[in-house]
Amino acid sequence: QVQLVESGGGLVQPGESLRLSCAASGFTFSTYTMAWFRQAQGQEREFVAAVRRNGGYIYYADSVKGRFAISRDNAKNTLYLQMNSLKPEDTAVYYCAATRTEILSSIRRADAYYHWGQGTQVTVSS
């Protein structure tokens, strides 16, 4: 049974940091491209960051480049998202997702992913 369980969300003030984790089980984590997406209330789910299976290729949305860092620990079957300099517009439910594809044009698309976590809420507000 495939499971992706996110944790680490919460309420923070602008400029602060959070680290999200995604614990994976039920599939061979090291053979999957992993990603973070987010969905703000009333908006479509959007790509945040992705990392290919060996960690050698990493991709970010322009809106988070330079502030967020995605990483993975294949020995622990865990995906991370370090979020620094958080802004109110980063407020959303954050989801981790898994796919076997490594095609660059597909990695940023939500419909390329077939395993999803339940999401963790991140709220940035003063």
PDB file of N, CA and C in Angstrom:
ATOM      1  N   GLN A   1       0.854  -1.197   0.000  1.00  0.00           N
ATOM      2  CA  GLN A   1       0.000   0.000   0.000  1.00  0.00           C
ATOM      3  C   GLN A   1       0.891   1.248   0.000  1.00  0.00           C
ATOM      4  N   VAL A   2       0.722   2.066  -1.029  1.00  0.00           N
ATOM      5  CA  VAL A   2       1.524   3.279  -1.146  1.00  0.00           C
ATOM      6  C   VAL A   2       1.026   4.335  -0.164  1.00  0.00           C
ATOM      7  N   GLN A   3       1.967   4.926   0.554  1.00  0.00           N
ATOM      8  CA  GLN A   3       1.621   6.023   1.456  1.00  0.00           C
ATOM      9  C   GLN A   3       2.647   7.125   1.358  1.00  0.00           C
ATOM     10  N   LEU A   4       2.151   8.353   1.321  1.00  0.00           N
ATOM     11  CA  LEU A   4       2.974   9.555   1.421  1.00  0.00           C
ATOM     12  C   LEU A   4       2.372  10.388   2.542  1.00  0.00           C
ATOM     13  N   VAL A   5       3.153  10.648   3.566  1.00  0.00           N
ATOM     14  CA  VAL A   5       2.640  11.359   4.732  1.00  0.00           C
ATOM     15  C   VAL A   5       3.479  12.610   4.964  1.00  0.00           C
ATOM     16  N   GLU A   6       2.848  13.767   4.759  1.00  0.00           N
ATOM     17  CA  GLU A   6       3.545  15.044   4.969  1.00  0.00           C
ATOM     18  C   GLU A   6       3.442  15.477   6.428  1.00  0.00           C
ATOM     19  N   SER A   7       4.435  16.229   6.851  1.00  0.00           N
ATOM     20  CA  SER A   7       4.424  16.814   8.192  1.00  0.00           C
ATOM     21  C   SER A   7       5.277  18.072   8.184  1.00  0.00           C
ATOM     22  N   GLY A   8       5.136  18.871   9.240  1.00  0.00           N
ATOM     23  CA  GLY A   8       5.982  20.053   9.385  1.00  0.00           C
ATOM     24  C   GLY A   8       5.312  21.372   9.086  1.00  0.00           C
ATOM     25  N   GLY A   9       4.070  21.338   8.628  1.00  0.00           N
ATOM     26  CA  GLY A   9       3.371  22.586   8.359  1.00  0.00           C
ATOM     27  C   GLY A   9       3.018  23.323   9.648  1.00  0.00           C
ATOM     28  N   GLY A  10       2.525  24.548   9.479  1.00  0.00           N
ATOM     29  CA  GLY A  10       2.138  25.322  10.643  1.00  0.00           C
ATOM     30  C   GLY A  10       1.918  26.775  10.311  1.00  0.00           C
ATOM     31  N   LEU A  11       1.782  27.573  11.371  1.00  0.00           N
ATOM     32  CA  LEU A  11       1.578  29.022  11.236  1.00  0.00           C
ATOM     33  C   LEU A  11       2.882  29.731  11.580  1.00  0.00           C
ATOM     34  N   VAL A  12       3.365  30.544  10.659  1.00  0.00           N
ATOM     35  CA  VAL A  12       4.584  31.312  10.884  1.00  0.00           C
ATOM     36  C   VAL A  12       4.381  32.738  10.426  1.00  0.00           C
ATOM     37  N   GLN A  13       5.287  33.615  10.865  1.00  0.00           N
ATOM     38  CA  GLN A  13       5.237  35.004  10.435  1.00  0.00           C
ATOM     39  C   GLN A  13       6.064  35.189   9.163  1.00  0.00           C
ATOM     40  N   PRO A  14       5.776  36.239   8.407  1.00  0.00           N
ATOM     41  CA  PRO A  14       6.584  36.517   7.206  1.00  0.00           C
ATOM     42  C   PRO A  14       8.065  36.611   7.555  1.00  0.00           C
ATOM     43  N   GLY A  15       8.890  36.023   6.697  1.00  0.00           N
ATOM     44  CA  GLY A  15      10.323  36.011   6.908  1.00  0.00           C
ATOM     45  C   GLY A  15      10.852  34.817   7.660  1.00  0.00           C
ATOM     46  N   GLU A  16       9.975  34.067   8.283  1.00  0.00           N
ATOM     47  CA  GLU A  16      10.398  32.888   9.039  1.00  0.00           C
ATOM     48  C   GLU A  16      10.554  31.667   8.124  1.00  0.00           C
ATOM     49  N   SER A  17      10.961  30.564   8.737  1.00  0.00           N
ATOM     50  CA  SER A  17      11.247  29.343   7.978  1.00  0.00           C
ATOM     51  C   SER A  17      10.426  28.165   8.492  1.00  0.00           C
ATOM     52  N   LEU A  18      10.240  27.191   7.612  1.00  0.00           N
ATOM     53  CA  LEU A  18       9.635  25.910   7.961  1.00  0.00           C
ATOM     54  C   LEU A  18      10.333  24.818   7.160  1.00  0.00           C
ATOM     55  N   ARG A  19      10.326  23.609   7.709  1.00  0.00           N
ATOM     56  CA  ARG A  19      10.842  22.464   6.977  1.00  0.00           C
ATOM     57  C   ARG A  19       9.758  21.416   6.921  1.00  0.00           C
ATOM     58  N   LEU A  20       9.333  21.081   5.704  1.00  0.00           N
ATOM     59  CA  LEU A  20       8.344  20.032   5.500  1.00  0.00           C
ATOM     60  C   LEU A  20       9.052  18.709   5.245  1.00  0.00           C
ATOM     61  N   SER A  21       8.415  17.639   5.707  1.00  0.00           N
ATOM     62  CA  SER A  21       8.908  16.288   5.443  1.00  0.00           C
ATOM     63  C   SER A  21       7.790  15.472   4.817  1.00  0.00           C
ATOM     64  N   CYS A  22       8.181  14.488   4.040  1.00  0.00           N
ATOM     65  CA  CYS A  22       7.225  13.556   3.435  1.00  0.00           C
ATOM     66  C   CYS A  22       7.801  12.159   3.574  1.00  0.00           C
ATOM     67  N   ALA A  23       7.173  11.351   4.403  1.00  0.00           N
ATOM     68  CA  ALA A  23       7.613   9.980   4.616  1.00  0.00           C
ATOM     69  C   ALA A  23       6.893   9.063   3.634  1.00  0.00           C
ATOM     70  N   ALA A  24       7.673   8.296   2.866  1.00  0.00           N
ATOM     71  CA  ALA A  24       7.118   7.432   1.826  1.00  0.00           C
ATOM     72  C   ALA A  24       7.222   5.966   2.223  1.00  0.00           C
ATOM     73  N   SER A  25       6.225   5.185   1.812  1.00  0.00           N
ATOM     74  CA  SER A  25       6.259   3.751   2.049  1.00  0.00           C
ATOM     75  C   SER A  25       5.401   3.055   1.003  1.00  0.00           C
ATOM     76  N   GLY A  26       5.654   1.759   0.822  1.00  0.00           N
ATOM     77  CA  GLY A  26       4.837   0.975  -0.085  1.00  0.00           C
ATOM     78  C   GLY A  26       5.293   0.978  -1.530  1.00  0.00           C
ATOM     79  N   PHE A  27       6.406   1.662  -1.825  1.00  0.00           N
ATOM     80  CA  PHE A  27       6.969   1.635  -3.169  1.00  0.00           C
ATOM     81  C   PHE A  27       8.465   1.897  -3.066  1.00  0.00           C
ATOM     82  N   THR A  28       9.166   1.677  -4.175  1.00  0.00           N
ATOM     83  CA  THR A  28      10.623   1.845  -4.168  1.00  0.00           C
ATOM     84  C   THR A  28      10.946   3.316  -4.360  1.00  0.00           C
ATOM     85  N   PHE A  29      11.070   4.010  -3.238  1.00  0.00           N
ATOM     86  CA  PHE A  29      11.210   5.466  -3.222  1.00  0.00           C
ATOM     87  C   PHE A  29      12.348   5.943  -4.121  1.00  0.00           C
ATOM     88  N   SER A  30      13.459   5.238  -4.098  1.00  0.00           N
ATOM     89  CA  SER A  30      14.664   5.696  -4.795  1.00  0.00           C
ATOM     90  C   SER A  30      14.528   5.673  -6.310  1.00  0.00           C
ATOM     91  N   THR A  31      13.480   5.041  -6.820  1.00  0.00           N
ATOM     92  CA  THR A  31      13.303   4.958  -8.278  1.00  0.00           C
ATOM     93  C   THR A  31      12.280   5.959  -8.799  1.00  0.00           C
ATOM     94  N   TYR A  32      11.774   6.820  -7.928  1.00  0.00           N
ATOM     95  CA  TYR A  32      10.734   7.773  -8.303  1.00  0.00           C
ATOM     96  C   TYR A  32      11.249   9.206  -8.274  1.00  0.00           C
ATOM     97  N   THR A  33      10.790   9.994  -9.224  1.00  0.00           N
ATOM     98  CA  THR A  33      10.906  11.446  -9.137  1.00  0.00           C
ATOM     99  C   THR A  33       9.899  11.919  -8.085  1.00  0.00           C
ATOM    100  N   MET A  34      10.355  12.790  -7.205  1.00  0.00           N
ATOM    101  CA  MET A  34       9.503  13.301  -6.128  1.00  0.00           C
ATOM    102  C   MET A  34       9.333  14.804  -6.268  1.00  0.00           C
ATOM    103  N   ALA A  35       8.184  15.291  -5.844  1.00  0.00           N
ATOM    104  CA  ALA A  35       7.910  16.719  -6.004  1.00  0.00           C
ATOM    105  C   ALA A  35       7.044  17.243  -4.870  1.00  0.00           C
ATOM    106  N   TRP A  36       7.067  18.550  -4.738  1.00  0.00           N
ATOM    107  CA  TRP A  36       6.142  19.277  -3.871  1.00  0.00           C
ATOM    108  C   TRP A  36       5.259  20.152  -4.759  1.00  0.00           C
ATOM    109  N   PHE A  37       3.971  20.116  -4.474  1.00  0.00           N
ATOM    110  CA  PHE A  37       2.996  21.007  -5.070  1.00  0.00           C
ATOM    111  C   PHE A  37       2.295  21.744  -3.934  1.00  0.00           C
ATOM    112  N   ARG A  38       1.601  22.803  -4.273  1.00  0.00           N
ATOM    113  CA  ARG A  38       0.811  23.500  -3.267  1.00  0.00           C
ATOM    114  C   ARG A  38      -0.485  23.991  -3.888  1.00  0.00           C
ATOM    115  N   GLN A  39      -1.475  24.162  -3.020  1.00  0.00           N
ATOM    116  CA  GLN A  39      -2.783  24.630  -3.473  1.00  0.00           C
ATOM    117  C   GLN A  39      -3.323  25.616  -2.469  1.00  0.00           C
ATOM    118  N   ALA A  40      -3.434  26.862  -2.900  1.00  0.00           N
ATOM    119  CA  ALA A  40      -4.047  27.890  -2.058  1.00  0.00           C
ATOM    120  C   ALA A  40      -5.560  27.819  -2.207  1.00  0.00           C
ATOM    121  N   GLN A  41      -6.247  28.331  -1.233  1.00  0.00           N
ATOM    122  CA  GLN A  41      -7.701  28.261  -1.238  1.00  0.00           C
ATOM    123  C   GLN A  41      -8.262  28.936  -2.484  1.00  0.00           C
ATOM    124  N   GLY A  42      -9.105  28.218  -3.206  1.00  0.00           N
ATOM    125  CA  GLY A  42      -9.738  28.764  -4.393  1.00  0.00           C
ATOM    126  C   GLY A  42      -8.872  28.790  -5.632  1.00  0.00           C
ATOM    127  N   GLN A  43      -7.679  28.209  -5.547  1.00  0.00           N
ATOM    128  CA  GLN A  43      -6.772  28.222  -6.690  1.00  0.00           C
ATOM    129  C   GLN A  43      -6.408  26.801  -7.106  1.00  0.00           C
ATOM    130  N   GLU A  44      -5.835  26.683  -8.282  1.00  0.00           N
ATOM    131  CA  GLU A  44      -5.412  25.378  -8.776  1.00  0.00           C
ATOM    132  C   GLU A  44      -4.115  24.947  -8.087  1.00  0.00           C
ATOM    133  N   ARG A  45      -3.910  23.653  -8.073  1.00  0.00           N
ATOM    134  CA  ARG A  45      -2.669  23.120  -7.519  1.00  0.00           C
ATOM    135  C   ARG A  45      -1.506  23.538  -8.412  1.00  0.00           C
ATOM    136  N   GLU A  46      -0.418  24.002  -7.803  1.00  0.00           N
ATOM    137  CA  GLU A  46       0.710  24.475  -8.594  1.00  0.00           C
ATOM    138  C   GLU A  46       2.012  23.803  -8.171  1.00  0.00           C
ATOM    139  N   PHE A  47       2.884  23.669  -9.126  1.00  0.00           N
ATOM    140  CA  PHE A  47       4.199  23.069  -8.919  1.00  0.00           C
ATOM    141  C   PHE A  47       5.066  23.966  -8.047  1.00  0.00           C
ATOM    142  N   VAL A  48       5.801  23.348  -7.125  1.00  0.00           N
ATOM    143  CA  VAL A  48       6.736  24.078  -6.276  1.00  0.00           C
ATOM    144  C   VAL A  48       8.180  23.662  -6.588  1.00  0.00           C
ATOM    145  N   ALA A  49       8.456  22.369  -6.487  1.00  0.00           N
ATOM    146  CA  ALA A  49       9.822  21.880  -6.698  1.00  0.00           C
ATOM    147  C   ALA A  49       9.796  20.376  -6.945  1.00  0.00           C
ATOM    148  N   ALA A  50      10.811  19.896  -7.651  1.00  0.00           N
ATOM    149  CA  ALA A  50      10.919  18.465  -7.913  1.00  0.00           C
ATOM    150  C   ALA A  50      12.382  18.043  -7.892  1.00  0.00           C
ATOM    151  N   VAL A  51      12.594  16.783  -7.568  1.00  0.00           N
ATOM    152  CA  VAL A  51      13.943  16.218  -7.565  1.00  0.00           C
ATOM    153  C   VAL A  51      13.886  14.829  -8.186  1.00  0.00           C
ATOM    154  N   ARG A  52      14.777  14.587  -9.136  1.00  0.00           N
ATOM    155  CA  ARG A  52      14.816  13.273  -9.771  1.00  0.00           C
ATOM    156  C   ARG A  52      15.351  12.232  -8.802  1.00  0.00           C
ATOM    157  N   ARG A  53      15.242  10.973  -9.175  1.00  0.00           N
ATOM    158  CA  ARG A  53      15.418   9.873  -8.238  1.00  0.00           C
ATOM    159  C   ARG A  53      16.781   9.837  -7.568  1.00  0.00           C
ATOM    160  N   ASN A  54      17.837  10.277  -8.259  1.00  0.00           N
ATOM    161  CA  ASN A  54      19.163  10.238  -7.640  1.00  0.00           C
ATOM    162  C   ASN A  54      19.551  11.564  -7.003  1.00  0.00           C
ATOM    163  N   GLY A  55      18.645  12.525  -7.039  1.00  0.00           N
ATOM    164  CA  GLY A  55      18.917  13.826  -6.442  1.00  0.00           C
ATOM    165  C   GLY A  55      19.787  14.726  -7.281  1.00  0.00           C
ATOM    166  N   GLY A  56      20.184  14.259  -8.462  1.00  0.00           N
ATOM    167  CA  GLY A  56      21.113  15.035  -9.265  1.00  0.00           C
ATOM    168  C   GLY A  56      20.479  16.188 -10.017  1.00  0.00           C
ATOM    169  N   TYR A  57      19.198  16.121 -10.264  1.00  0.00           N
ATOM    170  CA  TYR A  57      18.513  17.176 -11.008  1.00  0.00           C
ATOM    171  C   TYR A  57      17.365  17.713 -10.153  1.00  0.00           C
ATOM    172  N   ILE A  58      17.368  19.004  -9.974  1.00  0.00           N
ATOM    173  CA  ILE A  58      16.372  19.667  -9.130  1.00  0.00           C
ATOM    174  C   ILE A  58      15.766  20.826  -9.906  1.00  0.00           C
ATOM    175  N   TYR A  59      14.448  21.015  -9.730  1.00  0.00           N
ATOM    176  CA  TYR A  59      13.727  22.048 -10.453  1.00  0.00           C
ATOM    177  C   TYR A  59      12.840  22.815  -9.478  1.00  0.00           C
ATOM    178  N   TYR A  60      12.747  24.130  -9.701  1.00  0.00           N
ATOM    179  CA  TYR A  60      11.928  24.979  -8.841  1.00  0.00           C
ATOM    180  C   TYR A  60      11.003  25.861  -9.673  1.00  0.00           C
ATOM    181  N   ALA A  61       9.858  26.187  -9.083  1.00  0.00           N
ATOM    182  CA  ALA A  61       9.025  27.243  -9.639  1.00  0.00           C
ATOM    183  C   ALA A  61       9.748  28.572  -9.427  1.00  0.00           C
ATOM    184  N   ASP A  62       9.565  29.489 -10.348  1.00  0.00           N
ATOM    185  CA  ASP A  62      10.232  30.796 -10.235  1.00  0.00           C
ATOM    186  C   ASP A  62       9.866  31.508  -8.933  1.00  0.00           C
ATOM    187  N   SER A  63       8.653  31.281  -8.465  1.00  0.00           N
ATOM    188  CA  SER A  63       8.164  31.996  -7.287  1.00  0.00           C
ATOM    189  C   SER A  63       8.882  31.594  -5.997  1.00  0.00           C
ATOM    190  N   VAL A  64       9.558  30.436  -6.002  1.00  0.00           N
ATOM    191  CA  VAL A  64      10.230  29.974  -4.774  1.00  0.00           C
ATOM    192  C   VAL A  64      11.738  29.845  -4.938  1.00  0.00           C
ATOM    193  N   LYS A  65      12.231  30.045  -6.146  1.00  0.00           N
ATOM    194  CA  LYS A  65      13.663  29.889  -6.416  1.00  0.00           C
ATOM    195  C   LYS A  65      14.464  30.831  -5.524  1.00  0.00           C
ATOM    196  N   GLY A  66      15.491  30.291  -4.884  1.00  0.00           N
ATOM    197  CA  GLY A  66      16.327  31.088  -3.996  1.00  0.00           C
ATOM    198  C   GLY A  66      15.837  31.139  -2.561  1.00  0.00           C
ATOM    199  N   ARG A  67      14.605  30.696  -2.323  1.00  0.00           N
ATOM    200  CA  ARG A  67      14.043  30.690  -0.964  1.00  0.00           C
ATOM    201  C   ARG A  67      13.775  29.277  -0.456  1.00  0.00           C
ATOM    202  N   PHE A  68      13.394  28.382  -1.352  1.00  0.00           N
ATOM    203  CA  PHE A  68      13.053  27.005  -0.983  1.00  0.00           C
ATOM    204  C   PHE A  68      14.145  26.056  -1.476  1.00  0.00           C
ATOM    205  N   ALA A  69      14.300  24.954  -0.761  1.00  0.00           N
ATOM    206  CA  ALA A  69      15.254  23.922  -1.162  1.00  0.00           C
ATOM    207  C   ALA A  69      14.633  22.548  -0.977  1.00  0.00           C
ATOM    208  N   ILE A  70      14.574  21.786  -2.055  1.00  0.00           N
ATOM    209  CA  ILE A  70      14.062  20.423  -1.996  1.00  0.00           C
ATOM    210  C   ILE A  70      15.233  19.462  -1.852  1.00  0.00           C
ATOM    211  N   SER A  71      15.028  18.414  -1.090  1.00  0.00           N
ATOM    212  CA  SER A  71      16.060  17.383  -0.950  1.00  0.00           C
ATOM    213  C   SER A  71      15.394  16.058  -0.638  1.00  0.00           C
ATOM    214  N   ARG A  72      16.160  14.994  -0.770  1.00  0.00           N
ATOM    215  CA  ARG A  72      15.630  13.665  -0.483  1.00  0.00           C
ATOM    216  C   ARG A  72      16.702  12.822   0.177  1.00  0.00           C
ATOM    217  N   ASP A  73      16.249  11.905   1.009  1.00  0.00           N
ATOM    218  CA  ASP A  73      17.131  10.930   1.643  1.00  0.00           C
ATOM    219  C   ASP A  73      16.600   9.562   1.262  1.00  0.00           C
ATOM    220  N   ASN A  74      17.208   8.952   0.265  1.00  0.00           N
ATOM    221  CA  ASN A  74      16.705   7.670  -0.222  1.00  0.00           C
ATOM    222  C   ASN A  74      16.877   6.550   0.814  1.00  0.00           C
ATOM    223  N   ALA A  75      17.830   6.690   1.708  1.00  0.00           N
ATOM    224  CA  ALA A  75      18.014   5.683   2.755  1.00  0.00           C
ATOM    225  C   ALA A  75      16.875   5.727   3.771  1.00  0.00           C
ATOM    226  N   LYS A  76      16.282   6.912   3.933  1.00  0.00           N
ATOM    227  CA  LYS A  76      15.180   7.069   4.893  1.00  0.00           C
ATOM    228  C   LYS A  76      13.820   7.152   4.215  1.00  0.00           C
ATOM    229  N   ASN A  77      13.783   7.045   2.879  1.00  0.00           N
ATOM    230  CA  ASN A  77      12.518   7.150   2.138  1.00  0.00           C
ATOM    231  C   ASN A  77      11.771   8.431   2.487  1.00  0.00           C
ATOM    232  N   THR A  78      12.497   9.526   2.525  1.00  0.00           N
ATOM    233  CA  THR A  78      11.913  10.788   2.956  1.00  0.00           C
ATOM    234  C   THR A  78      12.298  11.918   2.012  1.00  0.00           C
ATOM    235  N   LEU A  79      11.312  12.752   1.737  1.00  0.00           N
ATOM    236  CA  LEU A  79      11.471  13.955   0.926  1.00  0.00           C
ATOM    237  C   LEU A  79      11.334  15.162   1.844  1.00  0.00           C
ATOM    238  N   TYR A  80      12.107  16.210   1.563  1.00  0.00           N
ATOM    239  CA  TYR A  80      12.076  17.409   2.387  1.00  0.00           C
ATOM    240  C   TYR A  80      11.850  18.649   1.537  1.00  0.00           C
ATOM    241  N   LEU A  81      11.331  19.693   2.188  1.00  0.00           N
ATOM    242  CA  LEU A  81      11.254  21.011   1.576  1.00  0.00           C
ATOM    243  C   LEU A  81      11.608  22.038   2.653  1.00  0.00           C
ATOM    244  N   GLN A  82      12.773  22.635   2.517  1.00  0.00           N
ATOM    245  CA  GLN A  82      13.182  23.706   3.408  1.00  0.00           C
ATOM    246  C   GLN A  82      12.680  25.015   2.833  1.00  0.00           C
ATOM    247  N   MET A  83      11.858  25.718   3.591  1.00  0.00           N
ATOM    248  CA  MET A  83      11.248  26.963   3.117  1.00  0.00           C
ATOM    249  C   MET A  83      11.744  28.110   3.982  1.00  0.00           C
ATOM    250  N   ASN A  84      12.469  29.022   3.365  1.00  0.00           N
ATOM    251  CA  ASN A  84      13.001  30.194   4.050  1.00  0.00           C
ATOM    252  C   ASN A  84      12.360  31.464   3.518  1.00  0.00           C
ATOM    253  N   SER A  85      12.492  32.526   4.275  1.00  0.00           N
ATOM    254  CA  SER A  85      11.955  33.832   3.860  1.00  0.00           C
ATOM    255  C   SER A  85      10.516  33.717   3.385  1.00  0.00           C
ATOM    256  N   LEU A  86       9.702  33.075   4.186  1.00  0.00           N
ATOM    257  CA  LEU A  86       8.319  32.818   3.794  1.00  0.00           C
ATOM    258  C   LEU A  86       7.530  34.117   3.655  1.00  0.00           C
ATOM    259  N   LYS A  87       6.610  34.094   2.688  1.00  0.00           N
ATOM    260  CA  LYS A  87       5.773  35.243   2.388  1.00  0.00           C
ATOM    261  C   LYS A  87       4.304  34.842   2.562  1.00  0.00           C
ATOM    262  N   PRO A  88       3.434  35.814   2.776  1.00  0.00           N
ATOM    263  CA  PRO A  88       1.998  35.481   2.886  1.00  0.00           C
ATOM    264  C   PRO A  88       1.476  34.726   1.659  1.00  0.00           C
ATOM    265  N   GLU A  89       2.020  35.013   0.491  1.00  0.00           N
ATOM    266  CA  GLU A  89       1.562  34.328  -0.717  1.00  0.00           C
ATOM    267  C   GLU A  89       2.020  32.873  -0.794  1.00  0.00           C
ATOM    268  N   ASP A  90       2.844  32.436   0.137  1.00  0.00           N
ATOM    269  CA  ASP A  90       3.211  31.020   0.224  1.00  0.00           C
ATOM    270  C   ASP A  90       2.165  30.206   0.991  1.00  0.00           C
ATOM    271  N   THR A  91       1.187  30.879   1.551  1.00  0.00           N
ATOM    272  CA  THR A  91       0.131  30.191   2.293  1.00  0.00           C
ATOM    273  C   THR A  91      -0.629  29.238   1.377  1.00  0.00           C
ATOM    274  N   ALA A  92      -0.685  27.965   1.757  1.00  0.00           N
ATOM    275  CA  ALA A  92      -1.328  26.934   0.931  1.00  0.00           C
ATOM    276  C   ALA A  92      -1.254  25.607   1.661  1.00  0.00           C
ATOM    277  N   VAL A  93      -1.961  24.627   1.123  1.00  0.00           N
ATOM    278  CA  VAL A  93      -1.750  23.234   1.523  1.00  0.00           C
ATOM    279  C   VAL A  93      -0.649  22.683   0.623  1.00  0.00           C
ATOM    280  N   TYR A  94       0.367  22.100   1.236  1.00  0.00           N
ATOM    281  CA  TYR A  94       1.513  21.574   0.501  1.00  0.00           C
ATOM    282  C   TYR A  94       1.400  20.051   0.426  1.00  0.00           C
ATOM    283  N   TYR A  95       1.578  19.545  -0.792  1.00  0.00           N
ATOM    284  CA  TYR A  95       1.463  18.112  -1.053  1.00  0.00           C
ATOM    285  C   TYR A  95       2.776  17.566  -1.602  1.00  0.00           C
ATOM    286  N   CYS A  96       3.152  16.370  -1.174  1.00  0.00           N
ATOM    287  CA  CYS A  96       4.233  15.694  -1.862  1.00  0.00           C
ATOM    288  C   CYS A  96       3.621  14.680  -2.833  1.00  0.00           C
ATOM    289  N   ALA A  97       4.373  14.381  -3.883  1.00  0.00           N
ATOM    290  CA  ALA A  97       3.858  13.528  -4.943  1.00  0.00           C
ATOM    291  C   ALA A  97       5.002  12.737  -5.555  1.00  0.00           C
ATOM    292  N   ALA A  98       4.638  11.599  -6.165  1.00  0.00           N
ATOM    293  CA  ALA A  98       5.635  10.710  -6.743  1.00  0.00           C
ATOM    294  C   ALA A  98       5.234  10.287  -8.146  1.00  0.00           C
ATOM    295  N   THR A  99       6.254  10.177  -9.011  1.00  0.00           N
ATOM    296  CA  THR A  99       6.029   9.715 -10.374  1.00  0.00           C
ATOM    297  C   THR A  99       7.257   8.965 -10.865  1.00  0.00           C
ATOM    298  N   ARG A 100       7.063   8.079 -11.825  1.00  0.00           N
ATOM    299  CA  ARG A 100       8.205   7.388 -12.418  1.00  0.00           C
ATOM    300  C   ARG A 100       8.821   8.192 -13.557  1.00  0.00           C
ATOM    301  N   THR A 101       8.098   9.217 -14.053  1.00  0.00           N
ATOM    302  CA  THR A 101       8.610   9.951 -15.192  1.00  0.00           C
ATOM    303  C   THR A 101       9.806  10.812 -14.822  1.00  0.00           C
ATOM    304  N   GLU A 102      10.721  10.979 -15.771  1.00  0.00           N
ATOM    305  CA  GLU A 102      11.842  11.896 -15.581  1.00  0.00           C
ATOM    306  C   GLU A 102      11.890  12.904 -16.726  1.00  0.00           C
ATOM    307  N   ILE A 103      10.810  12.956 -17.500  1.00  0.00           N
ATOM    308  CA  ILE A 103      10.743  13.865 -18.630  1.00  0.00           C
ATOM    309  C   ILE A 103      10.555  15.282 -18.110  1.00  0.00           C
ATOM    310  N   LEU A 104      11.473  16.155 -18.483  1.00  0.00           N
ATOM    311  CA  LEU A 104      11.490  17.510 -17.933  1.00  0.00           C
ATOM    312  C   LEU A 104      10.171  18.236 -18.176  1.00  0.00           C
ATOM    313  N   SER A 105       9.604  18.075 -19.342  1.00  0.00           N
ATOM    314  CA  SER A 105       8.362  18.782 -19.663  1.00  0.00           C
ATOM    315  C   SER A 105       7.185  18.286 -18.847  1.00  0.00           C
ATOM    316  N   SER A 106       7.299  17.127 -18.252  1.00  0.00           N
ATOM    317  CA  SER A 106       6.194  16.549 -17.470  1.00  0.00           C
ATOM    318  C   SER A 106       6.350  16.767 -15.972  1.00  0.00           C
ATOM    319  N   ILE A 107       7.570  16.938 -15.514  1.00  0.00           N
ATOM    320  CA  ILE A 107       7.835  16.959 -14.074  1.00  0.00           C
ATOM    321  C   ILE A 107       7.070  18.057 -13.360  1.00  0.00           C
ATOM    322  N   ARG A 108       6.790  19.174 -14.054  1.00  0.00           N
ATOM    323  CA  ARG A 108       6.103  20.293 -13.414  1.00  0.00           C
ATOM    324  C   ARG A 108       4.579  20.180 -13.467  1.00  0.00           C
ATOM    325  N   ARG A 109       4.080  19.112 -14.065  1.00  0.00           N
ATOM    326  CA  ARG A 109       2.636  18.958 -14.242  1.00  0.00           C
ATOM    327  C   ARG A 109       2.059  18.013 -13.203  1.00  0.00           C
ATOM    328  N   ALA A 110       1.004  18.442 -12.537  1.00  0.00           N
ATOM    329  CA  ALA A 110       0.387  17.621 -11.502  1.00  0.00           C
ATOM    330  C   ALA A 110      -0.156  16.314 -12.057  1.00  0.00           C
ATOM    331  N   ASP A 111      -0.633  16.334 -13.303  1.00  0.00           N
ATOM    332  CA  ASP A 111      -1.228  15.120 -13.866  1.00  0.00           C
ATOM    333  C   ASP A 111      -0.190  14.064 -14.216  1.00  0.00           C
ATOM    334  N   ALA A 112       1.102  14.378 -14.076  1.00  0.00           N
ATOM    335  CA  ALA A 112       2.149  13.378 -14.291  1.00  0.00           C
ATOM    336  C   ALA A 112       2.398  12.539 -13.046  1.00  0.00           C
ATOM    337  N   TYR A 113       1.817  12.923 -11.926  1.00  0.00           N
ATOM    338  CA  TYR A 113       2.075  12.247 -10.647  1.00  0.00           C
ATOM    339  C   TYR A 113       0.896  11.377 -10.257  1.00  0.00           C
ATOM    340  N   TYR A 114       1.171  10.154  -9.787  1.00  0.00           N
ATOM    341  CA  TYR A 114       0.063   9.263  -9.455  1.00  0.00           C
ATOM    342  C   TYR A 114       0.052   8.797  -8.014  1.00  0.00           C
ATOM    343  N   HIS A 115       1.000   9.256  -7.214  1.00  0.00           N
ATOM    344  CA  HIS A 115       0.919   9.022  -5.779  1.00  0.00           C
ATOM    345  C   HIS A 115       0.972  10.384  -5.103  1.00  0.00           C
ATOM    346  N   TRP A 116       0.035  10.619  -4.196  1.00  0.00           N
ATOM    347  CA  TRP A 116      -0.075  11.905  -3.518  1.00  0.00           C
ATOM    348  C   TRP A 116      -0.258  11.697  -2.023  1.00  0.00           C
ATOM    349  N   GLY A 117       0.281  12.638  -1.257  1.00  0.00           N
ATOM    350  CA  GLY A 117       0.009  12.665   0.168  1.00  0.00           C
ATOM    351  C   GLY A 117      -1.282  13.419   0.454  1.00  0.00           C
ATOM    352  N   GLN A 118      -1.618  13.507   1.736  1.00  0.00           N
ATOM    353  CA  GLN A 118      -2.874  14.149   2.133  1.00  0.00           C
ATOM    354  C   GLN A 118      -2.723  15.653   2.298  1.00  0.00           C
ATOM    355  N   GLY A 119      -1.475  16.139   2.340  1.00  0.00           N
ATOM    356  CA  GLY A 119      -1.227  17.562   2.426  1.00  0.00           C
ATOM    357  C   GLY A 119      -0.991  18.046   3.846  1.00  0.00           C
ATOM    358  N   THR A 120      -0.248  19.148   3.947  1.00  0.00           N
ATOM    359  CA  THR A 120      -0.016  19.800   5.232  1.00  0.00           C
ATOM    360  C   THR A 120      -0.172  21.311   5.028  1.00  0.00           C
ATOM    361  N   GLN A 121      -0.876  21.941   5.958  1.00  0.00           N
ATOM    362  CA  GLN A 121      -1.199  23.366   5.815  1.00  0.00           C
ATOM    363  C   GLN A 121      -0.005  24.228   6.249  1.00  0.00           C
ATOM    364  N   VAL A 122       0.318  25.188   5.400  1.00  0.00           N
ATOM    365  CA  VAL A 122       1.313  26.206   5.735  1.00  0.00           C
ATOM    366  C   VAL A 122       0.617  27.556   5.666  1.00  0.00           C
ATOM    367  N   THR A 123       0.663  28.295   6.765  1.00  0.00           N
ATOM    368  CA  THR A 123       0.049  29.615   6.820  1.00  0.00           C
ATOM    369  C   THR A 123       1.102  30.637   7.221  1.00  0.00           C
ATOM    370  N   VAL A 124       1.253  31.662   6.392  1.00  0.00           N
ATOM    371  CA  VAL A 124       2.221  32.718   6.665  1.00  0.00           C
ATOM    372  C   VAL A 124       1.444  34.011   6.892  1.00  0.00           C
ATOM    373  N   SER A 125       1.459  34.478   8.122  1.00  0.00           N
ATOM    374  CA  SER A 125       0.647  35.635   8.475  1.00  0.00           C
ATOM    375  C   SER A 125       1.232  36.327   9.689  1.00  0.00           C
ATOM    376  N   SER A 126       1.112  37.647   9.697  1.00  0.00           N
ATOM    377  CA  SER A 126       1.554  38.417  10.858  1.00  0.00           C
ATOM    378  C   SER A 126       0.385  38.649  11.812  1.00  0.00           C
TER     379      SER A 126
END
